Amino acid sequence: MLFLISSAPDTREFKTAYRLAKDMNADICLLQDAVYASRSLYDGNFYVLKDDMQMRGISEDEISGRPVDYGRLVDLMTEADRVRGVF
């Protein structure tokens, strides 16, 4: 399963989605304002959308996750048995 999380890390939605994804041992991709969490999460077992990082001034050397472009995100979504979008 792949969780797409877009809420800012200081929101209840982000915290709930992140905890649920970790409990389910699901893959996680951070989008939009959720990319800010990539600087403070130390479990590097997640993906971060590059374009959203760049739009928010976050460089690849600041994050612990794996940066992906839109093409790779589409691959992740088609390879996953289920995809959950959490906003």
PDB file of N, CA and C in Angstrom:
ATOM      1  N   MET A   1       0.845  -1.168   0.000  1.00  0.00           N
ATOM      2  CA  MET A   1       0.000   0.000   0.000  1.00  0.00           C
ATOM      3  C   MET A   1       0.894   1.237   0.000  1.00  0.00           C
ATOM      4  N   LEU A   2       0.419   2.273  -0.677  1.00  0.00           N
ATOM      5  CA  LEU A   2       1.134   3.545  -0.751  1.00  0.00           C
ATOM      6  C   LEU A   2       0.235   4.642  -0.207  1.00  0.00           C
ATOM      7  N   PHE A   3       0.745   5.393   0.748  1.00  0.00           N
ATOM      8  CA  PHE A   3       0.037   6.550   1.293  1.00  0.00           C
ATOM      9  C   PHE A   3       0.623   7.812   0.671  1.00  0.00           C
ATOM     10  N   LEU A   4      -0.225   8.653   0.123  1.00  0.00           N
ATOM     11  CA  LEU A   4       0.167   9.974  -0.378  1.00  0.00           C
ATOM     12  C   LEU A   4      -0.313  10.985   0.647  1.00  0.00           C
ATOM     13  N   ILE A   5       0.615  11.665   1.280  1.00  0.00           N
ATOM     14  CA  ILE A   5       0.263  12.618   2.340  1.00  0.00           C
ATOM     15  C   ILE A   5       0.647  14.017   1.882  1.00  0.00           C
ATOM     16  N   SER A   6      -0.325  14.945   1.978  1.00  0.00           N
ATOM     17  CA  SER A   6      -0.067  16.307   1.515  1.00  0.00           C
ATOM     18  C   SER A   6      -0.223  17.368   2.603  1.00  0.00           C
ATOM     19  N   SER A   7      -0.739  17.014   3.755  1.00  0.00           N
ATOM     20  CA  SER A   7      -0.974  17.998   4.826  1.00  0.00           C
ATOM     21  C   SER A   7       0.338  18.408   5.487  1.00  0.00           C
ATOM     22  N   ALA A   8       0.372  19.624   5.979  1.00  0.00           N
ATOM     23  CA  ALA A   8       1.557  20.125   6.690  1.00  0.00           C
ATOM     24  C   ALA A   8       1.817  19.261   7.922  1.00  0.00           C
ATOM     25  N   PRO A   9       3.091  19.086   8.281  1.00  0.00           N
ATOM     26  CA  PRO A   9       3.446  18.176   9.378  1.00  0.00           C
ATOM     27  C   PRO A   9       2.908  18.569  10.743  1.00  0.00           C
ATOM     28  N   ASP A  10       2.516  19.812  10.940  1.00  0.00           N
ATOM     29  CA  ASP A  10       2.020  20.228  12.253  1.00  0.00           C
ATOM     30  C   ASP A  10       0.499  20.071  12.388  1.00  0.00           C
ATOM     31  N   THR A  11      -0.122  19.415  11.401  1.00  0.00           N
ATOM     32  CA  THR A  11      -1.567  19.230  11.452  1.00  0.00           C
ATOM     33  C   THR A  11      -1.940  17.849  11.997  1.00  0.00           C
ATOM     34  N   ARG A  12      -3.140  17.768  12.499  1.00  0.00           N
ATOM     35  CA  ARG A  12      -3.658  16.492  12.997  1.00  0.00           C
ATOM     36  C   ARG A  12      -3.769  15.477  11.858  1.00  0.00           C
ATOM     37  N   GLU A  13      -4.149  15.954  10.667  1.00  0.00           N
ATOM     38  CA  GLU A  13      -4.295  15.067   9.518  1.00  0.00           C
ATOM     39  C   GLU A  13      -2.969  14.389   9.168  1.00  0.00           C
ATOM     40  N   PHE A  14      -1.895  15.176   9.165  1.00  0.00           N
ATOM     41  CA  PHE A  14      -0.584  14.591   8.861  1.00  0.00           C
ATOM     42  C   PHE A  14      -0.207  13.549   9.904  1.00  0.00           C
ATOM     43  N   LYS A  15      -0.318  13.915  11.158  1.00  0.00           N
ATOM     44  CA  LYS A  15       0.092  13.006  12.240  1.00  0.00           C
ATOM     45  C   LYS A  15      -0.698  11.709  12.217  1.00  0.00           C
ATOM     46  N   THR A  16      -2.003  11.802  11.974  1.00  0.00           N
ATOM     47  CA  THR A  16      -2.844  10.608  11.907  1.00  0.00           C
ATOM     48  C   THR A  16      -2.463   9.740  10.709  1.00  0.00           C
ATOM     49  N   ALA A  17      -2.315  10.365   9.549  1.00  0.00           N
ATOM     50  CA  ALA A  17      -1.975   9.620   8.332  1.00  0.00           C
ATOM     51  C   ALA A  17      -0.601   8.964   8.455  1.00  0.00           C
ATOM     52  N   TYR A  18       0.368   9.696   8.981  1.00  0.00           N
ATOM     53  CA  TYR A  18       1.717   9.149   9.109  1.00  0.00           C
ATOM     54  C   TYR A  18       1.724   7.960  10.068  1.00  0.00           C
ATOM     55  N   ARG A  19       1.052   8.100  11.192  1.00  0.00           N
ATOM     56  CA  ARG A  19       0.991   7.005  12.173  1.00  0.00           C
ATOM     57  C   ARG A  19       0.297   5.781  11.578  1.00  0.00           C
ATOM     58  N   LEU A  20      -0.823   6.003  10.873  1.00  0.00           N
ATOM     59  CA  LEU A  20      -1.553   4.910  10.258  1.00  0.00           C
ATOM     60  C   LEU A  20      -0.691   4.187   9.217  1.00  0.00           C
ATOM     61  N   ALA A  21      -0.003   4.961   8.382  1.00  0.00           N
ATOM     62  CA  ALA A  21       0.861   4.364   7.360  1.00  0.00           C
ATOM     63  C   ALA A  21       1.978   3.544   7.993  1.00  0.00           C
ATOM     64  N   LYS A  22       2.586   4.068   9.044  1.00  0.00           N
ATOM     65  CA  LYS A  22       3.660   3.335   9.727  1.00  0.00           C
ATOM     66  C   LYS A  22       3.113   2.069  10.378  1.00  0.00           C
ATOM     67  N   ASP A  23       1.937   2.151  11.002  1.00  0.00           N
ATOM     68  CA  ASP A  23       1.325   0.979  11.629  1.00  0.00           C
ATOM     69  C   ASP A  23       1.012  -0.109  10.608  1.00  0.00           C
ATOM     70  N   MET A  24       0.682   0.309   9.387  1.00  0.00           N
ATOM     71  CA  MET A  24       0.342  -0.644   8.331  1.00  0.00           C
ATOM     72  C   MET A  24       1.570  -1.076   7.534  1.00  0.00           C
ATOM     73  N   ASN A  25       2.729  -0.547   7.891  1.00  0.00           N
ATOM     74  CA  ASN A  25       3.972  -0.835   7.177  1.00  0.00           C
ATOM     75  C   ASN A  25       3.842  -0.481   5.689  1.00  0.00           C
ATOM     76  N   ALA A  26       3.155   0.614   5.411  1.00  0.00           N
ATOM     77  CA  ALA A  26       2.913   1.059   4.043  1.00  0.00           C
ATOM     78  C   ALA A  26       4.021   2.008   3.596  1.00  0.00           C
ATOM     79  N   ASP A  27       4.197   2.104   2.293  1.00  0.00           N
ATOM     80  CA  ASP A  27       5.094   3.112   1.736  1.00  0.00           C
ATOM     81  C   ASP A  27       4.412   4.466   1.864  1.00  0.00           C
ATOM     82  N   ILE A  28       5.227   5.518   1.970  1.00  0.00           N
ATOM     83  CA  ILE A  28       4.715   6.876   2.143  1.00  0.00           C
ATOM     84  C   ILE A  28       5.389   7.784   1.123  1.00  0.00           C
ATOM     85  N   CYS A  29       4.595   8.643   0.491  1.00  0.00           N
ATOM     86  CA  CYS A  29       5.149   9.693  -0.351  1.00  0.00           C
ATOM     87  C   CYS A  29       4.602  11.023   0.153  1.00  0.00           C
ATOM     88  N   LEU A  30       5.504  11.934   0.446  1.00  0.00           N
ATOM     89  CA  LEU A  30       5.135  13.263   0.934  1.00  0.00           C
ATOM     90  C   LEU A  30       5.000  14.216  -0.245  1.00  0.00           C
ATOM     91  N   LEU A  31       3.871  14.913  -0.293  1.00  0.00           N
ATOM     92  CA  LEU A  31       3.557  15.860  -1.362  1.00  0.00           C
ATOM     93  C   LEU A  31       3.216  17.214  -0.760  1.00  0.00           C
ATOM     94  N   GLN A  32       3.191  18.224  -1.584  1.00  0.00           N
ATOM     95  CA  GLN A  32       2.767  19.570  -1.206  1.00  0.00           C
ATOM     96  C   GLN A  32       3.407  19.985   0.127  1.00  0.00           C
ATOM     97  N   ASP A  33       2.616  20.484   1.091  1.00  0.00           N
ATOM     98  CA  ASP A  33       3.193  20.971   2.349  1.00  0.00           C
ATOM     99  C   ASP A  33       3.750  19.858   3.240  1.00  0.00           C
ATOM    100  N   ALA A  34       3.393  18.626   2.971  1.00  0.00           N
ATOM    101  CA  ALA A  34       3.932  17.509   3.765  1.00  0.00           C
ATOM    102  C   ALA A  34       5.436  17.349   3.567  1.00  0.00           C
ATOM    103  N   VAL A  35       5.983  17.900   2.470  1.00  0.00           N
ATOM    104  CA  VAL A  35       7.428  17.755   2.238  1.00  0.00           C
ATOM    105  C   VAL A  35       8.250  18.419   3.344  1.00  0.00           C
ATOM    106  N   TYR A  36       7.669  19.367   4.055  1.00  0.00           N
ATOM    107  CA  TYR A  36       8.401  19.989   5.172  1.00  0.00           C
ATOM    108  C   TYR A  36       8.793  18.960   6.224  1.00  0.00           C
ATOM    109  N   ALA A  37       7.997  17.914   6.358  1.00  0.00           N
ATOM    110  CA  ALA A  37       8.292  16.862   7.342  1.00  0.00           C
ATOM    111  C   ALA A  37       9.554  16.089   6.974  1.00  0.00           C
ATOM    112  N   SER A  38       9.943  16.123   5.716  1.00  0.00           N
ATOM    113  CA  SER A  38      11.115  15.351   5.277  1.00  0.00           C
ATOM    114  C   SER A  38      12.405  15.827   5.935  1.00  0.00           C
ATOM    115  N   ARG A  39      12.385  17.024   6.499  1.00  0.00           N
ATOM    116  CA  ARG A  39      13.572  17.536   7.202  1.00  0.00           C
ATOM    117  C   ARG A  39      13.650  17.063   8.638  1.00  0.00           C
ATOM    118  N   SER A  40      12.522  16.639   9.204  1.00  0.00           N
ATOM    119  CA  SER A  40      12.532  16.265  10.617  1.00  0.00           C
ATOM    120  C   SER A  40      12.243  14.788  10.860  1.00  0.00           C
ATOM    121  N   LEU A  41      11.829  14.062   9.839  1.00  0.00           N
ATOM    122  CA  LEU A  41      11.614  12.622   9.994  1.00  0.00           C
ATOM    123  C   LEU A  41      12.952  11.926   9.815  1.00  0.00           C
ATOM    124  N   TYR A  42      13.285  11.050  10.722  1.00  0.00           N
ATOM    125  CA  TYR A  42      14.593  10.406  10.651  1.00  0.00           C
ATOM    126  C   TYR A  42      14.526   8.997  10.102  1.00  0.00           C
ATOM    127  N   ASP A  43      13.320   8.504   9.886  1.00  0.00           N
ATOM    128  CA  ASP A  43      13.155   7.229   9.224  1.00  0.00           C
ATOM    129  C   ASP A  43      13.172   7.525   7.728  1.00  0.00           C
ATOM    130  N   GLY A  44      14.258   7.250   7.075  1.00  0.00           N
ATOM    131  CA  GLY A  44      14.415   7.579   5.661  1.00  0.00           C
ATOM    132  C   GLY A  44      13.672   6.652   4.729  1.00  0.00           C
ATOM    133  N   ASN A  45      12.723   5.900   5.244  1.00  0.00           N
ATOM    134  CA  ASN A  45      11.991   4.935   4.446  1.00  0.00           C
ATOM    135  C   ASN A  45      10.708   5.549   3.888  1.00  0.00           C
ATOM    136  N   PHE A  46      10.836   6.656   3.167  1.00  0.00           N
ATOM    137  CA  PHE A  46       9.687   7.306   2.549  1.00  0.00           C
ATOM    138  C   PHE A  46      10.162   8.082   1.333  1.00  0.00           C
ATOM    139  N   TYR A  47       9.232   8.499   0.507  1.00  0.00           N
ATOM    140  CA  TYR A  47       9.530   9.248  -0.712  1.00  0.00           C
ATOM    141  C   TYR A  47       9.087  10.695  -0.538  1.00  0.00           C
ATOM    142  N   VAL A  48       9.750  11.589  -1.279  1.00  0.00           N
ATOM    143  CA  VAL A  48       9.421  13.011  -1.238  1.00  0.00           C
ATOM    144  C   VAL A  48       9.396  13.520  -2.678  1.00  0.00           C
ATOM    145  N   LEU A  49       8.310  14.184  -3.066  1.00  0.00           N
ATOM    146  CA  LEU A  49       8.197  14.683  -4.429  1.00  0.00           C
ATOM    147  C   LEU A  49       9.141  15.872  -4.644  1.00  0.00           C
ATOM    148  N   LYS A  50      10.055  15.725  -5.604  1.00  0.00           N
ATOM    149  CA  LYS A  50      11.091  16.731  -5.858  1.00  0.00           C
ATOM    150  C   LYS A  50      10.535  18.114  -6.184  1.00  0.00           C
ATOM    151  N   ASP A  51       9.553  18.169  -7.066  1.00  0.00           N
ATOM    152  CA  ASP A  51       9.009  19.475  -7.469  1.00  0.00           C
ATOM    153  C   ASP A  51       8.450  20.236  -6.274  1.00  0.00           C
ATOM    154  N   ASP A  52       7.776  19.537  -5.379  1.00  0.00           N
ATOM    155  CA  ASP A  52       7.218  20.199  -4.194  1.00  0.00           C
ATOM    156  C   ASP A  52       8.323  20.638  -3.241  1.00  0.00           C
ATOM    157  N   MET A  53       9.398  19.857  -3.174  1.00  0.00           N
ATOM    158  CA  MET A  53      10.552  20.269  -2.360  1.00  0.00           C
ATOM    159  C   MET A  53      11.153  21.562  -2.909  1.00  0.00           C
ATOM    160  N   GLN A  54      11.383  21.575  -4.208  1.00  0.00           N
ATOM    161  CA  GLN A  54      12.009  22.726  -4.846  1.00  0.00           C
ATOM    162  C   GLN A  54      11.156  23.976  -4.713  1.00  0.00           C
ATOM    163  N   MET A  55       9.830  23.831  -4.839  1.00  0.00           N
ATOM    164  CA  MET A  55       8.926  24.979  -4.709  1.00  0.00           C
ATOM    165  C   MET A  55       8.965  25.566  -3.302  1.00  0.00           C
ATOM    166  N   ARG A  56       9.368  24.756  -2.331  1.00  0.00           N
ATOM    167  CA  ARG A  56       9.412  25.210  -0.938  1.00  0.00           C
ATOM    168  C   ARG A  56      10.835  25.446  -0.446  1.00  0.00           C
ATOM    169  N   GLY A  57      11.788  25.430  -1.359  1.00  0.00           N
ATOM    170  CA  GLY A  57      13.174  25.754  -1.012  1.00  0.00           C
ATOM    171  C   GLY A  57      13.893  24.686  -0.214  1.00  0.00           C
ATOM    172  N   ILE A  58      13.502  23.435  -0.364  1.00  0.00           N
ATOM    173  CA  ILE A  58      14.132  22.339   0.361  1.00  0.00           C
ATOM    174  C   ILE A  58      15.049  21.592  -0.607  1.00  0.00           C
ATOM    175  N   SER A  59      16.297  21.429  -0.232  1.00  0.00           N
ATOM    176  CA  SER A  59      17.234  20.718  -1.098  1.00  0.00           C
ATOM    177  C   SER A  59      17.320  19.249  -0.697  1.00  0.00           C
ATOM    178  N   GLU A  60      17.818  18.444  -1.611  1.00  0.00           N
ATOM    179  CA  GLU A  60      17.889  17.003  -1.378  1.00  0.00           C
ATOM    180  C   GLU A  60      18.809  16.638  -0.220  1.00  0.00           C
ATOM    181  N   ASP A  61      19.810  17.455   0.057  1.00  0.00           N
ATOM    182  CA  ASP A  61      20.719  17.123   1.157  1.00  0.00           C
ATOM    183  C   ASP A  61      20.134  17.455   2.534  1.00  0.00           C
ATOM    184  N   GLU A  62      18.950  18.077   2.561  1.00  0.00           N
ATOM    185  CA  GLU A  62      18.281  18.398   3.832  1.00  0.00           C
ATOM    186  C   GLU A  62      17.317  17.311   4.292  1.00  0.00           C
ATOM    187  N   ILE A  63      17.040  16.340   3.445  1.00  0.00           N
ATOM    188  CA  ILE A  63      15.989  15.375   3.770  1.00  0.00           C
ATOM    189  C   ILE A  63      16.568  13.992   4.039  1.00  0.00           C
ATOM    190  N   SER A  64      15.762  13.179   4.733  1.00  0.00           N
ATOM    191  CA  SER A  64      16.198  11.807   4.980  1.00  0.00           C
ATOM    192  C   SER A  64      15.465  10.821   4.071  1.00  0.00           C
ATOM    193  N   GLY A  65      14.445  11.276   3.351  1.00  0.00           N
ATOM    194  CA  GLY A  65      13.689  10.407   2.454  1.00  0.00           C
ATOM    195  C   GLY A  65      14.338  10.307   1.089  1.00  0.00           C
ATOM    196  N   ARG A  66      13.658   9.613   0.206  1.00  0.00           N
ATOM    197  CA  ARG A  66      14.141   9.434  -1.161  1.00  0.00           C
ATOM    198  C   ARG A  66      13.372  10.355  -2.109  1.00  0.00           C
ATOM    199  N   PRO A  67      14.039  11.305  -2.731  1.00  0.00           N
ATOM    200  CA  PRO A  67      13.351  12.210  -3.659  1.00  0.00           C
ATOM    201  C   PRO A  67      12.912  11.466  -4.922  1.00  0.00           C
ATOM    202  N   VAL A  68      11.698  11.791  -5.398  1.00  0.00           N
ATOM    203  CA  VAL A  68      11.178  11.182  -6.626  1.00  0.00           C
ATOM    204  C   VAL A  68      10.559  12.262  -7.499  1.00  0.00           C
ATOM    205  N   ASP A  69      10.604  12.027  -8.798  1.00  0.00           N
ATOM    206  CA  ASP A  69       9.929  12.942  -9.721  1.00  0.00           C
ATOM    207  C   ASP A  69       8.537  12.382 -10.018  1.00  0.00           C
ATOM    208  N   TYR A  70       7.767  13.113 -10.839  1.00  0.00           N
ATOM    209  CA  TYR A  70       6.398  12.688 -11.129  1.00  0.00           C
ATOM    210  C   TYR A  70       6.347  11.319 -11.813  1.00  0.00           C
ATOM    211  N   GLY A  71       7.306  11.056 -12.696  1.00  0.00           N
ATOM    212  CA  GLY A  71       7.333   9.769 -13.382  1.00  0.00           C
ATOM    213  C   GLY A  71       7.490   8.615 -12.406  1.00  0.00           C
ATOM    214  N   ARG A  72       8.401   8.766 -11.456  1.00  0.00           N
ATOM    215  CA  ARG A  72       8.613   7.713 -10.451  1.00  0.00           C
ATOM    216  C   ARG A  72       7.390   7.591  -9.536  1.00  0.00           C
ATOM    217  N   LEU A  73       6.734   8.711  -9.221  1.00  0.00           N
ATOM    218  CA  LEU A  73       5.523   8.665  -8.403  1.00  0.00           C
ATOM    219  C   LEU A  73       4.438   7.853  -9.108  1.00  0.00           C
ATOM    220  N   VAL A  74       4.278   8.048 -10.405  1.00  0.00           N
ATOM    221  CA  VAL A  74       3.306   7.268 -11.166  1.00  0.00           C
ATOM    222  C   VAL A  74       3.671   5.787 -11.110  1.00  0.00           C
ATOM    223  N   ASP A  75       4.957   5.473 -11.244  1.00  0.00           N
ATOM    224  CA  ASP A  75       5.400   4.077 -11.133  1.00  0.00           C
ATOM    225  C   ASP A  75       5.049   3.504  -9.763  1.00  0.00           C
ATOM    226  N   LEU A  76       5.317   4.253  -8.706  1.00  0.00           N
ATOM    227  CA  LEU A  76       5.007   3.784  -7.355  1.00  0.00           C
ATOM    228  C   LEU A  76       3.517   3.510  -7.196  1.00  0.00           C
ATOM    229  N   MET A  77       2.704   4.389  -7.768  1.00  0.00           N
ATOM    230  CA  MET A  77       1.255   4.228  -7.648  1.00  0.00           C
ATOM    231  C   MET A  77       0.766   3.016  -8.429  1.00  0.00           C
ATOM    232  N   THR A  78       1.337   2.749  -9.600  1.00  0.00           N
ATOM    233  CA  THR A  78       0.893   1.599 -10.389  1.00  0.00           C
ATOM    234  C   THR A  78       1.434   0.287  -9.822  1.00  0.00           C
ATOM    235  N   GLU A  79       2.569   0.339  -9.134  1.00  0.00           N
ATOM    236  CA  GLU A  79       3.149  -0.868  -8.541  1.00  0.00           C
ATOM    237  C   GLU A  79       2.471  -1.249  -7.221  1.00  0.00           C
ATOM    238  N   ALA A  80       1.866  -0.287  -6.550  1.00  0.00           N
ATOM    239  CA  ALA A  80       1.237  -0.547  -5.255  1.00  0.00           C
ATOM    240  C   ALA A  80      -0.079  -1.300  -5.445  1.00  0.00           C
ATOM    241  N   ASP A  81      -0.390  -2.167  -4.485  1.00  0.00           N
ATOM    242  CA  ASP A  81      -1.670  -2.874  -4.577  1.00  0.00           C
ATOM    243  C   ASP A  81      -2.845  -1.940  -4.281  1.00  0.00           C
ATOM    244  N   ARG A  82      -2.621  -0.937  -3.433  1.00  0.00           N
ATOM    245  CA  ARG A  82      -3.629   0.099  -3.148  1.00  0.00           C
ATOM    246  C   ARG A  82      -2.918   1.422  -2.899  1.00  0.00           C
ATOM    247  N   VAL A  83      -3.613   2.512  -3.204  1.00  0.00           N
ATOM    248  CA  VAL A  83      -3.081   3.850  -2.969  1.00  0.00           C
ATOM    249  C   VAL A  83      -4.108   4.626  -2.175  1.00  0.00           C
ATOM    250  N   ARG A  84      -3.662   5.270  -1.098  1.00  0.00           N
ATOM    251  CA  ARG A  84      -4.524   6.103  -0.260  1.00  0.00           C
ATOM    252  C   ARG A  84      -4.006   7.528  -0.303  1.00  0.00           C
ATOM    253  N   GLY A  85      -4.853   8.455  -0.666  1.00  0.00           N
ATOM    254  CA  GLY A  85      -4.505   9.861  -0.648  1.00  0.00           C
ATOM    255  C   GLY A  85      -5.043  10.479   0.636  1.00  0.00           C
ATOM    256  N   VAL A  86      -4.172  11.072   1.415  1.00  0.00           N
ATOM    257  CA  VAL A  86      -4.567  11.678   2.673  1.00  0.00           C
ATOM    258  C   VAL A  86      -4.240  13.161   2.604  1.00  0.00           C
ATOM    259  N   PHE A  87      -5.256  13.972   2.718  1.00  0.00           N
ATOM    260  CA  PHE A  87      -5.045  15.414   2.580  1.00  0.00           C
ATOM    261  C   PHE A  87      -5.202  16.079   3.915  1.00  0.00           C
TER     262      PHE A  87
END
